[in-house]
Amino acid sequence: MGVAYIAGILIQSHYQVSILDININSCYNFNEIQNKLETYDFDVIGITGLVAQYNYIKKETTYLLKSLYHDKKIIIGGFIGSTVPDLLLQKTKADIIAIGEGEVTIIELLKAIEEEKDLSSIDGLAFKKNEEIFFTKKEI
């Protein structure tokens, strides 16, 4: 339910949302994923998953996406984001990790990205700035 719930919140806040669920469509190979993504016009990329999917998220997804869309922010959330945020920032191409309940954070985060504001005042995040990892306080 996590991805659909976040999508619903974004839609209610007048954001345009597209979901490519690779778990449901596991028959996709990366050329097909790239072809599908090229049909979208997006500003940020959100990724979620379980800790067991770390290698896939690291090696395949974030590296591929950052090589194709280097100017787009990659946000990782869900169970993996809340469990190993420091590892994700150290070992993947993720820009921002949402820790805890993403529905509390996502709108404020997207507005900050749009306005190029500092992320340090947004609760429930981990992010890199000048190769240093920062954690904000947990959301309430």
Protein backbone atom coordinates (compact mmCIF):
# COMPACT_ATOMS: atom_id res chain seq x y z
CA MET A 1 0.00 0.00 0.00
CA GLY A 2 2.92 2.43 0.56
CA VAL A 3 3.52 3.51 -3.03
CA ALA A 4 -0.19 3.88 -3.80
CA TYR A 5 -0.73 5.84 -0.58
CA ILE A 6 2.11 8.26 -1.35
CA ALA A 7 0.82 8.60 -4.92
CA GLY A 8 -2.64 9.46 -3.57
CA ILE A 9 -1.25 12.18 -1.32
CA LEU A 10 0.74 13.62 -4.21
CA ILE A 11 -2.28 13.61 -6.52
CA GLN A 12 -4.40 15.34 -3.84
CA SER A 13 -1.68 18.01 -3.70
CA HIS A 14 -1.90 18.46 -7.49
CA TYR A 15 1.29 16.64 -8.41
CA GLN A 16 1.33 14.48 -11.51
CA VAL A 17 2.32 10.90 -10.60
CA SER A 18 3.45 7.94 -12.68
CA ILE A 19 4.24 4.56 -11.15
CA LEU A 20 6.39 1.89 -12.73
CA ASP A 21 6.18 -1.10 -10.42
CA ILE A 22 8.99 -3.39 -11.48
CA ASN A 23 7.96 -5.99 -8.87
CA ILE A 24 4.57 -6.45 -10.50
CA ASN A 25 6.06 -6.36 -13.98
CA SER A 26 9.15 -8.45 -13.18
CA CYS A 27 9.42 -9.45 -16.83
CA TYR A 28 10.92 -6.00 -17.60
CA ASN A 29 14.59 -5.90 -18.53
CA PHE A 30 16.53 -2.67 -18.19
CA ASN A 31 16.16 -1.69 -21.84
CA GLU A 32 12.40 -1.97 -21.44
CA ILE A 33 12.54 0.06 -18.22
CA GLN A 34 14.59 2.75 -19.93
CA ASN A 35 12.19 2.84 -22.88
CA LYS A 36 9.23 3.15 -20.48
CA LEU A 37 10.92 5.91 -18.47
CA GLU A 38 11.66 7.88 -21.62
CA THR A 39 7.90 8.26 -22.12
CA TYR A 40 7.61 10.06 -18.76
CA ASP A 41 8.42 13.69 -18.00
CA PHE A 42 9.51 13.68 -14.38
CA ASP A 43 11.39 15.84 -11.90
CA VAL A 44 12.19 13.29 -9.20
CA ILE A 45 12.45 9.53 -8.97
CA GLY A 46 11.09 7.67 -5.94
CA ILE A 47 12.23 4.17 -5.12
CA THR A 48 11.01 1.84 -2.42
CA GLY A 49 11.80 -1.71 -1.50
CA LEU A 50 12.76 -4.20 1.14
CA VAL A 51 16.25 -4.60 2.57
CA ALA A 52 16.54 -7.88 0.63
CA GLN A 53 16.37 -5.79 -2.55
CA TYR A 54 19.42 -3.68 -1.63
CA ASN A 55 21.76 -5.06 -4.31
CA TYR A 56 19.12 -4.57 -6.98
CA ILE A 57 18.42 -1.02 -5.79
CA LYS A 58 22.13 -0.22 -5.56
CA LYS A 59 23.69 -1.79 -8.58
CA GLU A 60 20.86 -1.83 -11.02
CA THR A 61 18.33 0.83 -10.26
CA THR A 62 20.14 3.87 -8.82
CA TYR A 63 23.25 3.50 -10.98
CA LEU A 64 21.20 3.05 -14.14
CA LEU A 65 18.84 5.91 -13.34
CA LYS A 66 21.60 8.34 -12.36
CA SER A 67 23.57 7.53 -15.52
CA LEU A 68 20.50 8.27 -17.64
CA TYR A 69 19.00 11.13 -15.60
CA HIS A 70 21.93 12.69 -13.74
CA ASP A 71 20.05 15.90 -13.00
CA LYS A 72 17.04 14.18 -11.39
CA LYS A 73 16.87 13.66 -7.63
CA ILE A 74 16.55 10.05 -6.49
CA ILE A 75 14.59 9.58 -3.28
CA ILE A 76 14.52 6.20 -1.53
CA GLY A 77 11.90 5.48 1.09
CA GLY A 78 9.85 2.65 2.47
CA PHE A 79 11.20 -0.10 4.64
CA ILE A 80 14.70 -0.01 3.15
CA GLY A 81 14.97 3.75 3.55
CA SER A 82 14.00 3.61 7.19
CA THR A 83 16.25 0.63 7.94
CA VAL A 84 19.60 1.46 6.30
CA PRO A 85 19.59 5.14 5.29
CA ASP A 86 23.31 5.70 5.86
CA LEU A 87 24.26 2.65 3.81
CA LEU A 88 22.00 3.80 0.96
CA LEU A 89 23.62 7.22 0.88
CA GLN A 90 27.12 5.76 1.07
CA LYS A 91 26.73 2.97 -1.49
CA THR A 92 24.01 4.00 -3.97
CA LYS A 93 23.37 6.99 -6.19
CA ALA A 94 20.43 8.10 -4.05
CA ASP A 95 20.27 11.79 -3.18
CA ILE A 96 17.72 11.71 -0.38
CA ILE A 97 16.38 9.04 1.98
CA ALA A 98 12.93 9.36 3.53
CA ILE A 99 12.95 7.83 7.00
CA GLY A 100 9.70 6.85 8.66
CA GLU A 101 6.30 7.72 7.29
CA GLY A 102 6.85 9.26 3.86
CA GLU A 103 3.39 10.72 3.65
CA VAL A 104 4.36 13.13 6.42
CA THR A 105 7.47 14.27 4.54
CA ILE A 106 6.85 14.02 0.79
CA ILE A 107 4.96 17.26 0.07
CA GLU A 108 7.35 19.41 2.09
CA LEU A 109 10.31 17.63 0.46
CA LEU A 110 9.05 18.14 -3.09
CA LYS A 111 8.35 21.82 -2.43
CA ALA A 112 11.89 22.25 -1.09
CA ILE A 113 13.34 20.55 -4.16
CA GLU A 114 11.22 22.72 -6.48
CA GLU A 115 12.32 25.89 -4.70
CA GLU A 116 15.92 24.65 -4.23
CA LYS A 117 15.65 25.15 -0.47
CA ASP A 118 17.81 23.58 2.21
CA LEU A 119 16.52 20.18 3.32
CA SER A 120 17.81 20.38 6.89
CA SER A 121 14.55 21.79 8.24
CA ILE A 122 12.45 18.88 6.93
CA ASP A 123 11.93 16.14 9.49
CA GLY A 124 12.49 12.49 8.60
CA LEU A 125 15.28 12.77 6.02
CA ALA A 126 18.85 11.74 5.41
CA PHE A 127 20.77 13.37 2.57
CA LYS A 128 24.23 14.11 1.28
CA LYS A 129 25.65 17.58 1.03
CA ASN A 130 29.24 17.95 -0.19
CA GLU A 131 29.74 14.21 0.34
CA GLU A 132 28.79 14.53 4.04
CA ILE A 133 25.69 12.69 5.29
CA PHE A 134 23.13 14.62 7.30
CA PHE A 135 20.14 13.34 9.27
CA THR A 136 17.23 15.56 10.21
CA LYS A 137 15.14 14.88 13.28
CA LYS A 138 12.53 12.15 13.05
CA GLU A 139 9.07 13.24 12.05
CA ILE A 140 6.42 13.24 14.75
